[in-house]
Amino acid sequence: MKVTLTQAQGIQAAVAKFTGINLPVRTSYELARVVMEISPHLEVYQGERQKLAKKHCELDEKGNPKTIEVAPGMGQYVFKSDEAKEVYIAGVAEIGKQEVKISLREKLSLEKFKDPNSEDETVIPWDALAGLLPIIEEPKE
């Protein structure tokens, strides 16, 4: 199965939201394996994003892209110009389209996200669901 780097980033963020949630052992293993497979690709992706940011953003005294805090704990780059911002966004989008292969043989069914101690409780945090969509099969009616 292949996913784009943008999807891989969403998968990694979604899986992190399962910390402390009781999942079936096999599901937990499959998710951990997927994250281990995509992590090296995401490191390269982040490195390329950082190169683009250094090229198109104003830099601080240490040579890092300047950021401004737009909300508590959330920063935003300070771009050299509106055009530089557009070029950065287009570059990140282009990199994000690159596909990486993951070794899931098939998409995971929602059944695999049932709490093993409950007969019918699915334990996907709602804020994680969107990130997992590329690897979850559509429910059958």
Protein backbone atom coordinates (compact mmCIF):
# COMPACT_ATOMS: atom_id res chain seq x y z
CA MET A 1 0.00 0.00 0.00
CA LYS A 2 1.22 3.51 -0.76
CA VAL A 3 0.43 6.78 1.00
CA THR A 4 1.60 10.31 0.29
CA LEU A 5 3.97 12.04 2.68
CA THR A 6 1.13 14.39 3.65
CA GLN A 7 -1.02 11.37 4.52
CA ALA A 8 1.91 9.76 6.35
CA GLN A 9 2.26 12.88 8.48
CA GLY A 10 -1.44 12.65 9.38
CA ILE A 11 -1.11 8.95 10.19
CA GLN A 12 1.84 9.59 12.50
CA ALA A 13 -0.01 12.37 14.33
CA ALA A 14 -3.15 10.23 14.62
CA VAL A 15 -1.32 7.22 16.01
CA ALA A 16 0.27 9.43 18.68
CA LYS A 17 -3.25 10.16 19.98
CA PHE A 18 -3.64 6.47 20.89
CA THR A 19 -1.12 6.69 23.72
CA GLY A 20 -2.70 5.13 26.78
CA ILE A 21 -5.70 3.75 24.86
CA ASN A 22 -6.41 0.04 25.15
CA LEU A 23 -6.21 -1.44 21.64
CA PRO A 24 -6.07 -5.06 20.58
CA VAL A 25 -2.44 -6.22 20.54
CA ARG A 26 -2.36 -6.90 16.79
CA THR A 27 -3.79 -3.45 15.95
CA SER A 28 -1.31 -1.77 18.27
CA TYR A 29 1.51 -3.72 16.61
CA GLU A 30 0.33 -2.86 13.09
CA LEU A 31 0.08 0.85 13.91
CA ALA A 32 3.53 0.85 15.54
CA ARG A 33 5.01 -0.88 12.51
CA VAL A 34 3.44 1.66 10.14
CA VAL A 35 4.85 4.55 12.18
CA MET A 36 8.31 2.94 12.20
CA GLU A 37 8.15 2.59 8.40
CA ILE A 38 7.06 6.16 7.69
CA SER A 39 9.22 7.92 10.30
CA PRO A 40 12.45 7.98 8.22
CA HIS A 41 10.51 9.37 5.25
CA LEU A 42 8.93 12.04 7.44
CA GLU A 43 12.36 13.05 8.77
CA VAL A 44 13.49 13.70 5.19
CA TYR A 45 10.19 15.50 4.49
CA GLN A 46 10.71 17.74 7.52
CA GLY A 47 14.29 18.43 6.45
CA GLU A 48 13.13 19.51 2.99
CA ARG A 49 10.41 21.71 4.51
CA GLN A 50 13.05 23.30 6.74
CA LYS A 51 15.27 24.01 3.71
CA LEU A 52 12.33 25.69 1.97
CA ALA A 53 11.59 27.71 5.11
CA LYS A 54 15.20 28.90 5.36
CA LYS A 55 15.09 29.95 1.73
CA HIS A 56 11.75 31.82 1.86
CA CYS A 57 11.49 33.10 5.45
CA GLU A 58 13.21 35.84 7.34
CA LEU A 59 15.96 34.36 9.50
CA ASP A 60 16.83 35.05 13.12
CA GLU A 61 20.36 35.72 14.39
CA LYS A 62 21.05 31.95 14.50
CA GLY A 63 20.01 31.45 10.88
CA ASN A 64 16.71 29.77 11.70
CA PRO A 65 13.37 30.81 10.17
CA LYS A 66 11.68 33.48 12.25
CA THR A 67 8.28 32.65 13.70
CA ILE A 68 5.61 34.63 15.46
CA GLU A 69 3.23 33.18 18.02
CA VAL A 70 -0.31 33.28 16.61
CA ALA A 71 -1.87 31.34 19.50
CA PRO A 72 -0.48 29.79 22.67
CA GLY A 73 2.02 27.16 21.57
CA MET A 74 1.41 27.82 17.85
CA GLY A 75 3.97 29.58 15.73
CA GLN A 76 3.82 30.83 12.16
CA TYR A 77 6.72 31.56 9.84
CA VAL A 78 7.58 35.14 8.93
CA PHE A 79 8.00 35.11 5.15
CA LYS A 80 10.16 37.50 3.15
CA SER A 81 7.16 38.40 0.97
CA ASP A 82 3.74 37.16 -0.10
CA GLU A 83 5.39 35.64 -3.17
CA ALA A 84 7.92 33.80 -0.98
CA LYS A 85 5.04 32.41 1.08
CA GLU A 86 3.29 31.14 -2.06
CA VAL A 87 6.48 29.50 -3.33
CA TYR A 88 7.03 27.84 0.09
CA ILE A 89 3.44 26.52 0.22
CA ALA A 90 3.68 25.18 -3.35
CA GLY A 91 7.01 23.52 -2.58
CA VAL A 92 5.69 21.84 0.57
CA ALA A 93 2.61 20.66 -1.34
CA GLU A 94 4.81 19.19 -4.07
CA ILE A 95 6.98 17.32 -1.58
CA GLY A 96 3.86 16.12 0.25
CA LYS A 97 2.60 14.41 -2.91
CA GLN A 98 5.54 12.00 -2.91
CA GLU A 99 4.42 8.46 -2.13
CA VAL A 100 5.94 6.03 0.33
CA LYS A 101 5.23 2.35 0.59
CA ILE A 102 3.94 0.84 3.82
CA SER A 103 3.69 -2.88 4.40
CA LEU A 104 0.06 -3.06 5.44
CA ARG A 105 -1.36 -5.83 3.32
CA GLU A 106 -4.85 -4.43 3.60
CA LYS A 107 -6.58 -1.46 5.14
CA LEU A 108 -7.56 -1.84 8.78
CA SER A 109 -11.22 -2.41 9.56
CA LEU A 110 -12.92 -0.41 12.29
CA GLU A 111 -13.38 -3.75 14.07
CA LYS A 112 -9.63 -3.74 14.76
CA PHE A 113 -10.09 -0.62 16.89
CA LYS A 114 -12.46 -2.22 19.40
CA ASP A 115 -11.53 -2.13 23.05
CA PRO A 116 -10.56 -5.73 23.87
CA ASN A 117 -12.31 -5.36 27.24
CA SER A 118 -15.60 -4.23 25.69
CA GLU A 119 -17.88 -5.98 23.24
CA ASP A 120 -18.74 -3.03 21.04
CA GLU A 121 -16.75 0.07 21.96
CA THR A 122 -14.54 1.48 19.22
CA VAL A 123 -11.66 3.44 20.69
CA ILE A 124 -10.62 5.76 17.86
CA PRO A 125 -10.28 9.28 19.26
CA TRP A 126 -12.33 11.55 17.01
CA ASP A 127 -9.41 13.90 16.50
CA ALA A 128 -7.36 10.94 15.20
CA LEU A 129 -9.91 9.62 12.74
CA ALA A 130 -9.08 11.94 9.84
CA GLY A 131 -5.39 11.07 9.99
CA LEU A 132 -6.13 7.35 9.87
CA LEU A 133 -8.52 7.47 6.89
CA PRO A 134 -5.83 6.43 4.35
CA ILE A 135 -5.33 3.12 6.20
CA ILE A 136 -8.89 2.36 7.37
CA GLU A 137 -11.33 0.55 5.12
CA GLU A 138 -14.79 1.98 4.60
CA PRO A 139 -17.41 0.34 6.81
CA LYS A 140 -19.60 -2.22 5.13
CA GLU A 141 -23.30 -1.78 5.58
